mmCIF file of all heavy atoms, coordinates in Angstrom:
data_MODEL
# 
_entry.id   MODEL 
# 
loop_
_atom_site.group_PDB 
_atom_site.id 
_atom_site.type_symbol 
_atom_site.label_atom_id 
_atom_site.label_alt_id 
_atom_site.label_comp_id 
_atom_site.label_asym_id 
_atom_site.label_entity_id 
_atom_site.label_seq_id 
_atom_site.pdbx_PDB_ins_code 
_atom_site.Cartn_x 
_atom_site.Cartn_y 
_atom_site.Cartn_z 
_atom_site.occupancy 
_atom_site.B_iso_or_equiv 
_atom_site.pdbx_formal_charge 
_atom_site.auth_seq_id 
_atom_site.auth_comp_id 
_atom_site.auth_asym_id 
_atom_site.auth_atom_id 
_atom_site.pdbx_PDB_model_num 
ATOM 1   N N   . THR A 1 1  ? 51.122 -2.342  -28.402 1.00 0.00 ? 1  THR A N   1 
ATOM 2   C CA  . THR A 1 1  ? 50.789 -3.050  -27.162 1.00 0.00 ? 1  THR A CA  1 
ATOM 3   C C   . THR A 1 1  ? 50.858 -4.675  -27.354 1.00 0.00 ? 1  THR A C   1 
ATOM 4   O O   . THR A 1 1  ? 50.020 -5.152  -27.888 1.00 0.00 ? 1  THR A O   1 
ATOM 5   C CB  . THR A 1 1  ? 49.423 -2.758  -26.631 1.00 0.00 ? 1  THR A CB  1 
ATOM 6   O OG1 . THR A 1 1  ? 49.255 -1.282  -26.769 1.00 0.00 ? 1  THR A OG1 1 
ATOM 7   C CG2 . THR A 1 1  ? 49.195 -3.267  -25.172 1.00 0.00 ? 1  THR A CG2 1 
ATOM 8   N N   . PRO A 1 2  ? 51.934 -5.277  -26.796 1.00 0.00 ? 2  PRO A N   1 
ATOM 9   C CA  . PRO A 1 2  ? 51.981 -6.691  -27.040 1.00 0.00 ? 2  PRO A CA  1 
ATOM 10  C C   . PRO A 1 2  ? 50.781 -7.449  -26.258 1.00 0.00 ? 2  PRO A C   1 
ATOM 11  O O   . PRO A 1 2  ? 50.174 -6.853  -25.422 1.00 0.00 ? 2  PRO A O   1 
ATOM 12  C CB  . PRO A 1 2  ? 53.292 -7.077  -26.281 1.00 0.00 ? 2  PRO A CB  1 
ATOM 13  C CG  . PRO A 1 2  ? 54.083 -5.814  -26.463 1.00 0.00 ? 2  PRO A CG  1 
ATOM 14  C CD  . PRO A 1 2  ? 53.070 -4.682  -26.220 1.00 0.00 ? 2  PRO A CD  1 
ATOM 15  N N   . ASN A 1 3  ? 50.559 -8.645  -26.727 1.00 0.00 ? 3  ASN A N   1 
ATOM 16  C CA  . ASN A 1 3  ? 49.465 -9.484  -26.207 1.00 0.00 ? 3  ASN A CA  1 
ATOM 17  C C   . ASN A 1 3  ? 48.102 -8.913  -26.398 1.00 0.00 ? 3  ASN A C   1 
ATOM 18  O O   . ASN A 1 3  ? 47.172 -9.029  -25.438 1.00 0.00 ? 3  ASN A O   1 
ATOM 19  C CB  . ASN A 1 3  ? 49.668 -9.772  -24.660 1.00 0.00 ? 3  ASN A CB  1 
ATOM 20  C CG  . ASN A 1 3  ? 51.032 -10.529 -24.432 1.00 0.00 ? 3  ASN A CG  1 
ATOM 21  O OD1 . ASN A 1 3  ? 51.417 -11.323 -25.332 1.00 0.00 ? 3  ASN A OD1 1 
ATOM 22  N ND2 . ASN A 1 3  ? 51.726 -10.325 -23.387 1.00 0.00 ? 3  ASN A ND2 1 
ATOM 23  N N   . THR A 1 4  ? 47.848 -8.161  -27.458 1.00 0.00 ? 4  THR A N   1 
ATOM 24  C CA  . THR A 1 4  ? 46.697 -7.626  -27.904 1.00 0.00 ? 4  THR A CA  1 
ATOM 25  C C   . THR A 1 4  ? 46.324 -8.026  -29.377 1.00 0.00 ? 4  THR A C   1 
ATOM 26  O O   . THR A 1 4  ? 47.301 -8.423  -29.946 1.00 0.00 ? 4  THR A O   1 
ATOM 27  C CB  . THR A 1 4  ? 46.540 -6.161  -27.737 1.00 0.00 ? 4  THR A CB  1 
ATOM 28  O OG1 . THR A 1 4  ? 47.382 -5.502  -28.714 1.00 0.00 ? 4  THR A OG1 1 
ATOM 29  C CG2 . THR A 1 4  ? 46.826 -5.535  -26.335 1.00 0.00 ? 4  THR A CG2 1 
ATOM 30  N N   . PHE A 1 5  ? 45.137 -7.936  -29.830 1.00 0.00 ? 5  PHE A N   1 
ATOM 31  C CA  . PHE A 1 5  ? 44.771 -8.390  -31.036 1.00 0.00 ? 5  PHE A CA  1 
ATOM 32  C C   . PHE A 1 5  ? 44.014 -7.209  -31.713 1.00 0.00 ? 5  PHE A C   1 
ATOM 33  O O   . PHE A 1 5  ? 43.560 -6.278  -31.017 1.00 0.00 ? 5  PHE A O   1 
ATOM 34  C CB  . PHE A 1 5  ? 43.862 -9.643  -31.109 1.00 0.00 ? 5  PHE A CB  1 
ATOM 35  C CG  . PHE A 1 5  ? 44.588 -10.844 -30.569 1.00 0.00 ? 5  PHE A CG  1 
ATOM 36  C CD1 . PHE A 1 5  ? 44.638 -11.102 -29.234 1.00 0.00 ? 5  PHE A CD1 1 
ATOM 37  C CD2 . PHE A 1 5  ? 45.130 -11.792 -31.483 1.00 0.00 ? 5  PHE A CD2 1 
ATOM 38  C CE1 . PHE A 1 5  ? 45.422 -12.197 -28.758 1.00 0.00 ? 5  PHE A CE1 1 
ATOM 39  C CE2 . PHE A 1 5  ? 45.743 -12.924 -31.004 1.00 0.00 ? 5  PHE A CE2 1 
ATOM 40  C CZ  . PHE A 1 5  ? 45.905 -13.179 -29.657 1.00 0.00 ? 5  PHE A CZ  1 
ATOM 41  N N   . ILE A 1 6  ? 43.838 -7.266  -33.072 1.00 0.00 ? 6  ILE A N   1 
ATOM 42  C CA  . ILE A 1 6  ? 43.139 -6.306  -33.811 1.00 0.00 ? 6  ILE A CA  1 
ATOM 43  C C   . ILE A 1 6  ? 42.278 -6.967  -34.885 1.00 0.00 ? 6  ILE A C   1 
ATOM 44  O O   . ILE A 1 6  ? 42.783 -7.961  -35.487 1.00 0.00 ? 6  ILE A O   1 
ATOM 45  C CB  . ILE A 1 6  ? 44.025 -5.162  -34.362 1.00 0.00 ? 6  ILE A CB  1 
ATOM 46  C CG1 . ILE A 1 6  ? 43.084 -4.069  -35.020 1.00 0.00 ? 6  ILE A CG1 1 
ATOM 47  C CG2 . ILE A 1 6  ? 45.027 -5.716  -35.291 1.00 0.00 ? 6  ILE A CG2 1 
ATOM 48  C CD1 . ILE A 1 6  ? 43.926 -2.894  -35.422 1.00 0.00 ? 6  ILE A CD1 1 
ATOM 49  N N   . PHE A 1 7  ? 40.995 -6.490  -35.061 1.00 0.00 ? 7  PHE A N   1 
ATOM 50  C CA  . PHE A 1 7  ? 40.189 -7.100  -36.124 1.00 0.00 ? 7  PHE A CA  1 
ATOM 51  C C   . PHE A 1 7  ? 39.125 -5.989  -36.571 1.00 0.00 ? 7  PHE A C   1 
ATOM 52  O O   . PHE A 1 7  ? 39.099 -4.995  -35.822 1.00 0.00 ? 7  PHE A O   1 
ATOM 53  C CB  . PHE A 1 7  ? 39.417 -8.338  -35.637 1.00 0.00 ? 7  PHE A CB  1 
ATOM 54  C CG  . PHE A 1 7  ? 38.302 -8.011  -34.595 1.00 0.00 ? 7  PHE A CG  1 
ATOM 55  C CD1 . PHE A 1 7  ? 36.965 -7.929  -35.029 1.00 0.00 ? 7  PHE A CD1 1 
ATOM 56  C CD2 . PHE A 1 7  ? 38.583 -7.482  -33.317 1.00 0.00 ? 7  PHE A CD2 1 
ATOM 57  C CE1 . PHE A 1 7  ? 35.912 -7.611  -34.150 1.00 0.00 ? 7  PHE A CE1 1 
ATOM 58  C CE2 . PHE A 1 7  ? 37.615 -7.307  -32.407 1.00 0.00 ? 7  PHE A CE2 1 
ATOM 59  C CZ  . PHE A 1 7  ? 36.210 -7.296  -32.867 1.00 0.00 ? 7  PHE A CZ  1 
ATOM 60  N N   . SER A 1 8  ? 38.470 -6.011  -37.616 1.00 0.00 ? 8  SER A N   1 
ATOM 61  C CA  . SER A 1 8  ? 38.678 -6.912  -38.842 1.00 0.00 ? 8  SER A CA  1 
ATOM 62  C C   . SER A 1 8  ? 39.712 -6.164  -39.636 1.00 0.00 ? 8  SER A C   1 
ATOM 63  O O   . SER A 1 8  ? 39.452 -5.137  -40.084 1.00 0.00 ? 8  SER A O   1 
ATOM 64  C CB  . SER A 1 8  ? 37.406 -7.098  -39.577 1.00 0.00 ? 8  SER A CB  1 
ATOM 65  O OG  . SER A 1 8  ? 36.400 -7.551  -38.739 1.00 0.00 ? 8  SER A OG  1 
ATOM 66  N N   . ILE A 1 9  ? 40.853 -6.789  -39.903 1.00 0.00 ? 9  ILE A N   1 
ATOM 67  C CA  . ILE A 1 9  ? 41.969 -6.135  -40.525 1.00 0.00 ? 9  ILE A CA  1 
ATOM 68  C C   . ILE A 1 9  ? 42.450 -6.851  -41.767 1.00 0.00 ? 9  ILE A C   1 
ATOM 69  O O   . ILE A 1 9  ? 42.410 -8.080  -41.789 1.00 0.00 ? 9  ILE A O   1 
ATOM 70  C CB  . ILE A 1 9  ? 43.240 -6.089  -39.516 1.00 0.00 ? 9  ILE A CB  1 
ATOM 71  C CG1 . ILE A 1 9  ? 44.287 -5.239  -40.183 1.00 0.00 ? 9  ILE A CG1 1 
ATOM 72  C CG2 . ILE A 1 9  ? 43.680 -7.421  -39.175 1.00 0.00 ? 9  ILE A CG2 1 
ATOM 73  C CD1 . ILE A 1 9  ? 45.306 -4.810  -39.059 1.00 0.00 ? 9  ILE A CD1 1 
ATOM 74  N N   . ALA A 1 10 ? 42.719 -6.184  -42.863 1.00 0.00 ? 10 ALA A N   1 
ATOM 75  C CA  . ALA A 1 10 ? 43.167 -6.744  -44.094 1.00 0.00 ? 10 ALA A CA  1 
ATOM 76  C C   . ALA A 1 10 ? 44.623 -7.337  -43.938 1.00 0.00 ? 10 ALA A C   1 
ATOM 77  O O   . ALA A 1 10 ? 45.362 -6.732  -43.198 1.00 0.00 ? 10 ALA A O   1 
ATOM 78  C CB  . ALA A 1 10 ? 43.096 -5.787  -45.222 1.00 0.00 ? 10 ALA A CB  1 
ATOM 79  N N   . ASN A 1 11 ? 44.801 -8.343  -44.683 1.00 0.00 ? 11 ASN A N   1 
ATOM 80  C CA  . ASN A 1 11 ? 46.120 -9.092  -44.655 1.00 0.00 ? 11 ASN A CA  1 
ATOM 81  C C   . ASN A 1 11 ? 46.904 -8.382  -45.805 1.00 0.00 ? 11 ASN A C   1 
ATOM 82  O O   . ASN A 1 11 ? 46.913 -8.981  -47.007 1.00 0.00 ? 11 ASN A O   1 
ATOM 83  C CB  . ASN A 1 11 ? 45.953 -10.557 -44.826 1.00 0.00 ? 11 ASN A CB  1 
ATOM 84  C CG  . ASN A 1 11 ? 47.293 -11.182 -44.759 1.00 0.00 ? 11 ASN A CG  1 
ATOM 85  O OD1 . ASN A 1 11 ? 48.327 -10.654 -44.619 1.00 0.00 ? 11 ASN A OD1 1 
ATOM 86  N ND2 . ASN A 1 11 ? 47.230 -12.625 -44.866 1.00 0.00 ? 11 ASN A ND2 1 
ATOM 87  N N   . THR A 1 12 ? 47.647 -7.414  -45.580 1.00 0.00 ? 12 THR A N   1 
ATOM 88  C CA  . THR A 1 12 ? 48.495 -6.751  -46.549 1.00 0.00 ? 12 THR A CA  1 
ATOM 89  C C   . THR A 1 12 ? 49.964 -6.835  -46.160 1.00 0.00 ? 12 THR A C   1 
ATOM 90  O O   . THR A 1 12 ? 50.299 -6.962  -44.919 1.00 0.00 ? 12 THR A O   1 
ATOM 91  C CB  . THR A 1 12 ? 48.021 -5.338  -46.771 1.00 0.00 ? 12 THR A CB  1 
ATOM 92  O OG1 . THR A 1 12 ? 48.421 -4.586  -45.590 1.00 0.00 ? 12 THR A OG1 1 
ATOM 93  C CG2 . THR A 1 12 ? 46.635 -5.092  -46.955 1.00 0.00 ? 12 THR A CG2 1 
ATOM 94  N N   . ASP A 1 13 ? 50.870 -6.674  -47.152 1.00 0.00 ? 13 ASP A N   1 
ATOM 95  C CA  . ASP A 1 13 ? 52.322 -6.667  -46.816 1.00 0.00 ? 13 ASP A CA  1 
ATOM 96  C C   . ASP A 1 13 ? 52.701 -5.628  -45.960 1.00 0.00 ? 13 ASP A C   1 
ATOM 97  O O   . ASP A 1 13 ? 53.488 -5.776  -45.007 1.00 0.00 ? 13 ASP A O   1 
ATOM 98  C CB  . ASP A 1 13 ? 53.090 -6.492  -48.154 1.00 0.00 ? 13 ASP A CB  1 
ATOM 99  C CG  . ASP A 1 13 ? 52.945 -7.858  -49.150 1.00 0.00 ? 13 ASP A CG  1 
ATOM 100 O OD1 . ASP A 1 13 ? 52.547 -8.879  -48.505 1.00 0.00 ? 13 ASP A OD1 1 
ATOM 101 O OD2 . ASP A 1 13 ? 53.236 -7.726  -50.278 1.00 0.00 ? 13 ASP A OD2 1 
ATOM 102 N N   . LYS A 1 14 ? 52.070 -4.408  -46.061 1.00 0.00 ? 14 LYS A N   1 
ATOM 103 C CA  . LYS A 1 14 ? 52.441 -3.276  -45.215 1.00 0.00 ? 14 LYS A CA  1 
ATOM 104 C C   . LYS A 1 14 ? 52.065 -3.538  -43.729 1.00 0.00 ? 14 LYS A C   1 
ATOM 105 O O   . LYS A 1 14 ? 52.793 -3.306  -42.801 1.00 0.00 ? 14 LYS A O   1 
ATOM 106 C CB  . LYS A 1 14 ? 51.652 -1.994  -45.702 1.00 0.00 ? 14 LYS A CB  1 
ATOM 107 C CG  . LYS A 1 14 ? 51.956 -0.870  -44.871 1.00 0.00 ? 14 LYS A CG  1 
ATOM 108 C CD  . LYS A 1 14 ? 51.138 0.372   -45.403 1.00 0.00 ? 14 LYS A CD  1 
ATOM 109 C CE  . LYS A 1 14 ? 51.498 1.638   -44.411 1.00 0.00 ? 14 LYS A CE  1 
ATOM 110 N NZ  . LYS A 1 14 ? 50.772 2.819   -44.860 1.00 0.00 ? 14 LYS A NZ  1 
ATOM 111 N N   . ARG A 1 15 ? 50.938 -4.200  -43.568 1.00 0.00 ? 15 ARG A N   1 
ATOM 112 C CA  . ARG A 1 15 ? 50.411 -4.450  -42.254 1.00 0.00 ? 15 ARG A CA  1 
ATOM 113 C C   . ARG A 1 15 ? 51.358 -5.647  -41.538 1.00 0.00 ? 15 ARG A C   1 
ATOM 114 O O   . ARG A 1 15 ? 51.471 -5.683  -40.408 1.00 0.00 ? 15 ARG A O   1 
ATOM 115 C CB  . ARG A 1 15 ? 48.978 -4.689  -42.157 1.00 0.00 ? 15 ARG A CB  1 
ATOM 116 C CG  . ARG A 1 15 ? 48.203 -3.366  -42.308 1.00 0.00 ? 15 ARG A CG  1 
ATOM 117 C CD  . ARG A 1 15 ? 46.753 -3.549  -42.435 1.00 0.00 ? 15 ARG A CD  1 
ATOM 118 N NE  . ARG A 1 15 ? 46.070 -2.231  -42.705 1.00 0.00 ? 15 ARG A NE  1 
ATOM 119 C CZ  . ARG A 1 15 ? 44.865 -1.996  -42.948 1.00 0.00 ? 15 ARG A CZ  1 
ATOM 120 N NH1 . ARG A 1 15 ? 43.993 -3.050  -43.194 1.00 0.00 ? 15 ARG A NH1 1 
ATOM 121 N NH2 . ARG A 1 15 ? 44.345 -0.754  -42.933 1.00 0.00 ? 15 ARG A NH2 1 
ATOM 122 N N   . LEU A 1 16 ? 51.671 -6.504  -42.353 1.00 0.00 ? 16 LEU A N   1 
ATOM 123 C CA  . LEU A 1 16 ? 52.456 -7.696  -41.871 1.00 0.00 ? 16 LEU A CA  1 
ATOM 124 C C   . LEU A 1 16 ? 53.866 -7.263  -41.420 1.00 0.00 ? 16 LEU A C   1 
ATOM 125 O O   . LEU A 1 16 ? 54.589 -7.862  -40.712 1.00 0.00 ? 16 LEU A O   1 
ATOM 126 C CB  . LEU A 1 16 ? 52.706 -8.716  -42.978 1.00 0.00 ? 16 LEU A CB  1 
ATOM 127 C CG  . LEU A 1 16 ? 51.346 -9.632  -43.222 1.00 0.00 ? 16 LEU A CG  1 
ATOM 128 C CD1 . LEU A 1 16 ? 51.668 -10.583 -44.482 1.00 0.00 ? 16 LEU A CD1 1 
ATOM 129 C CD2 . LEU A 1 16 ? 50.906 -10.291 -42.037 1.00 0.00 ? 16 LEU A CD2 1 
ATOM 130 N N   . ALA A 1 17 ? 54.233 -6.002  -41.807 1.00 0.00 ? 17 ALA A N   1 
ATOM 131 C CA  . ALA A 1 17 ? 55.433 -5.501  -41.258 1.00 0.00 ? 17 ALA A CA  1 
ATOM 132 C C   . ALA A 1 17 ? 55.347 -4.990  -39.840 1.00 0.00 ? 17 ALA A C   1 
ATOM 133 O O   . ALA A 1 17 ? 56.303 -4.820  -39.093 1.00 0.00 ? 17 ALA A O   1 
ATOM 134 C CB  . ALA A 1 17 ? 55.874 -4.226  -42.198 1.00 0.00 ? 17 ALA A CB  1 
ATOM 135 N N   . HIS A 1 18 ? 53.999 -4.741  -39.323 1.00 0.00 ? 18 HIS A N   1 
ATOM 136 C CA  . HIS A 1 18 ? 53.744 -4.338  -37.968 1.00 0.00 ? 18 HIS A CA  1 
ATOM 137 C C   . HIS A 1 18 ? 53.059 -5.317  -37.110 1.00 0.00 ? 18 HIS A C   1 
ATOM 138 O O   . HIS A 1 18 ? 53.227 -5.281  -35.943 1.00 0.00 ? 18 HIS A O   1 
ATOM 139 C CB  . HIS A 1 18 ? 52.956 -2.977  -38.133 1.00 0.00 ? 18 HIS A CB  1 
ATOM 140 C CG  . HIS A 1 18 ? 53.547 -1.908  -38.809 1.00 0.00 ? 18 HIS A CG  1 
ATOM 141 N ND1 . HIS A 1 18 ? 54.713 -1.186  -38.436 1.00 0.00 ? 18 HIS A ND1 1 
ATOM 142 C CD2 . HIS A 1 18 ? 53.250 -1.422  -40.063 1.00 0.00 ? 18 HIS A CD2 1 
ATOM 143 C CE1 . HIS A 1 18 ? 54.939 -0.306  -39.324 1.00 0.00 ? 18 HIS A CE1 1 
ATOM 144 N NE2 . HIS A 1 18 ? 54.071 -0.409  -40.419 1.00 0.00 ? 18 HIS A NE2 1 
ATOM 145 N N   . PHE A 1 19 ? 52.432 -6.295  -37.719 1.00 0.00 ? 19 PHE A N   1 
ATOM 146 C CA  . PHE A 1 19 ? 51.654 -7.272  -37.039 1.00 0.00 ? 19 PHE A CA  1 
ATOM 147 C C   . PHE A 1 19 ? 51.924 -8.669  -37.368 1.00 0.00 ? 19 PHE A C   1 
ATOM 148 O O   . PHE A 1 19 ? 52.612 -8.908  -38.476 1.00 0.00 ? 19 PHE A O   1 
ATOM 149 C CB  . PHE A 1 19 ? 50.167 -7.019  -37.229 1.00 0.00 ? 19 PHE A CB  1 
ATOM 150 C CG  . PHE A 1 19 ? 49.665 -5.637  -36.794 1.00 0.00 ? 19 PHE A CG  1 
ATOM 151 C CD1 . PHE A 1 19 ? 49.477 -4.664  -37.522 1.00 0.00 ? 19 PHE A CD1 1 
ATOM 152 C CD2 . PHE A 1 19 ? 49.336 -5.508  -35.375 1.00 0.00 ? 19 PHE A CD2 1 
ATOM 153 C CE1 . PHE A 1 19 ? 48.975 -3.469  -37.229 1.00 0.00 ? 19 PHE A CE1 1 
ATOM 154 C CE2 . PHE A 1 19 ? 48.812 -4.310  -35.001 1.00 0.00 ? 19 PHE A CE2 1 
ATOM 155 C CZ  . PHE A 1 19 ? 48.773 -3.256  -35.884 1.00 0.00 ? 19 PHE A CZ  1 
ATOM 156 N N   . ARG A 1 20 ? 51.523 -9.554  -36.543 1.00 0.00 ? 20 ARG A N   1 
ATOM 157 C CA  . ARG A 1 20 ? 51.601 -11.051 -36.962 1.00 0.00 ? 20 ARG A CA  1 
ATOM 158 C C   . ARG A 1 20 ? 50.294 -11.464 -37.213 1.00 0.00 ? 20 ARG A C   1 
ATOM 159 O O   . ARG A 1 20 ? 49.280 -11.395 -36.456 1.00 0.00 ? 20 ARG A O   1 
ATOM 160 C CB  . ARG A 1 20 ? 52.090 -11.879 -35.666 1.00 0.00 ? 20 ARG A CB  1 
ATOM 161 C CG  . ARG A 1 20 ? 52.459 -13.266 -36.002 1.00 0.00 ? 20 ARG A CG  1 
ATOM 162 C CD  . ARG A 1 20 ? 53.550 -13.878 -35.000 1.00 0.00 ? 20 ARG A CD  1 
ATOM 163 N NE  . ARG A 1 20 ? 53.619 -13.283 -33.787 1.00 0.00 ? 20 ARG A NE  1 
ATOM 164 C CZ  . ARG A 1 20 ? 53.488 -13.987 -32.553 1.00 0.00 ? 20 ARG A CZ  1 
ATOM 165 N NH1 . ARG A 1 20 ? 53.330 -15.273 -32.678 1.00 0.00 ? 20 ARG A NH1 1 
ATOM 166 N NH2 . ARG A 1 20 ? 53.741 -13.415 -31.481 1.00 0.00 ? 20 ARG A NH2 1 
ATOM 167 N N   . TRP A 1 21 ? 50.102 -12.067 -38.323 1.00 0.00 ? 21 TRP A N   1 
ATOM 168 C CA  . TRP A 1 21 ? 48.791 -12.534 -38.848 1.00 0.00 ? 21 TRP A CA  1 
ATOM 169 C C   . TRP A 1 21 ? 48.350 -13.777 -38.070 1.00 0.00 ? 21 TRP A C   1 
ATOM 170 O O   . TRP A 1 21 ? 49.080 -14.734 -37.849 1.00 0.00 ? 21 TRP A O   1 
ATOM 171 C CB  . TRP A 1 21 ? 48.876 -12.931 -40.377 1.00 0.00 ? 21 TRP A CB  1 
ATOM 172 C CG  . TRP A 1 21 ? 47.506 -13.297 -40.991 1.00 0.00 ? 21 TRP A CG  1 
ATOM 173 C CD1 . TRP A 1 21 ? 47.199 -14.542 -41.420 1.00 0.00 ? 21 TRP A CD1 1 
ATOM 174 C CD2 . TRP A 1 21 ? 46.381 -12.359 -41.226 1.00 0.00 ? 21 TRP A CD2 1 
ATOM 175 N NE1 . TRP A 1 21 ? 45.963 -14.499 -41.896 1.00 0.00 ? 21 TRP A NE1 1 
ATOM 176 C CE2 . TRP A 1 21 ? 45.462 -13.182 -41.904 1.00 0.00 ? 21 TRP A CE2 1 
ATOM 177 C CE3 . TRP A 1 21 ? 46.193 -11.119 -40.977 1.00 0.00 ? 21 TRP A CE3 1 
ATOM 178 C CZ2 . TRP A 1 21 ? 44.148 -12.680 -42.252 1.00 0.00 ? 21 TRP A CZ2 1 
ATOM 179 C CZ3 . TRP A 1 21 ? 44.916 -10.598 -41.399 1.00 0.00 ? 21 TRP A CZ3 1 
ATOM 180 C CH2 . TRP A 1 21 ? 44.026 -11.397 -41.900 1.00 0.00 ? 21 TRP A CH2 1 
ATOM 181 N N   . VAL A 1 22 ? 47.100 -13.819 -37.635 1.00 0.00 ? 22 VAL A N   1 
ATOM 182 C CA  . VAL A 1 22 ? 46.598 -14.899 -36.828 1.00 0.00 ? 22 VAL A CA  1 
ATOM 183 C C   . VAL A 1 22 ? 45.678 -15.861 -37.741 1.00 0.00 ? 22 VAL A C   1 
ATOM 184 O O   . VAL A 1 22 ? 45.809 -17.042 -37.702 1.00 0.00 ? 22 VAL A O   1 
ATOM 185 C CB  . VAL A 1 22 ? 45.695 -14.330 -35.601 1.00 0.00 ? 22 VAL A CB  1 
ATOM 186 C CG1 . VAL A 1 22 ? 45.005 -15.439 -34.892 1.00 0.00 ? 22 VAL A CG1 1 
ATOM 187 C CG2 . VAL A 1 22 ? 46.600 -13.582 -34.760 1.00 0.00 ? 22 VAL A CG2 1 
ATOM 188 N N   . GLY A 1 23 ? 44.797 -15.193 -38.453 1.00 0.00 ? 23 GLY A N   1 
ATOM 189 C CA  . GLY A 1 23 ? 43.952 -16.006 -39.291 1.00 0.00 ? 23 GLY A CA  1 
ATOM 190 C C   . GLY A 1 23 ? 42.827 -15.160 -40.016 1.00 0.00 ? 23 GLY A C   1 
ATOM 191 O O   . GLY A 1 23 ? 42.420 -14.115 -39.498 1.00 0.00 ? 23 GLY A O   1 
ATOM 192 N N   . GLU A 1 24 ? 42.395 -15.581 -41.075 1.00 0.00 ? 24 GLU A N   1 
ATOM 193 C CA  . GLU A 1 24 ? 41.361 -14.870 -41.817 1.00 0.00 ? 24 GLU A CA  1 
ATOM 194 C C   . GLU A 1 24 ? 39.940 -15.544 -41.538 1.00 0.00 ? 24 GLU A C   1 
ATOM 195 O O   . GLU A 1 24 ? 39.849 -16.714 -41.211 1.00 0.00 ? 24 GLU A O   1 
ATOM 196 C CB  . GLU A 1 24 ? 41.627 -14.923 -43.305 1.00 0.00 ? 24 GLU A CB  1 
ATOM 197 C CG  . GLU A 1 24 ? 41.491 -16.208 -44.057 1.00 0.00 ? 24 GLU A CG  1 
ATOM 198 C CD  . GLU A 1 24 ? 41.781 -16.282 -45.526 1.00 0.00 ? 24 GLU A CD  1 
ATOM 199 O OE1 . GLU A 1 24 ? 43.066 -16.154 -45.737 1.00 0.00 ? 24 GLU A OE1 1 
ATOM 200 O OE2 . GLU A 1 24 ? 40.806 -16.232 -46.311 1.00 0.00 ? 24 GLU A OE2 1 
# 
């Protein structure tokens, strides 16, 4: 779903393949 966010999520290479990192 574009224009949604998810937290608290780990910053991993696998997840960066599916999401855009916003900030830690």
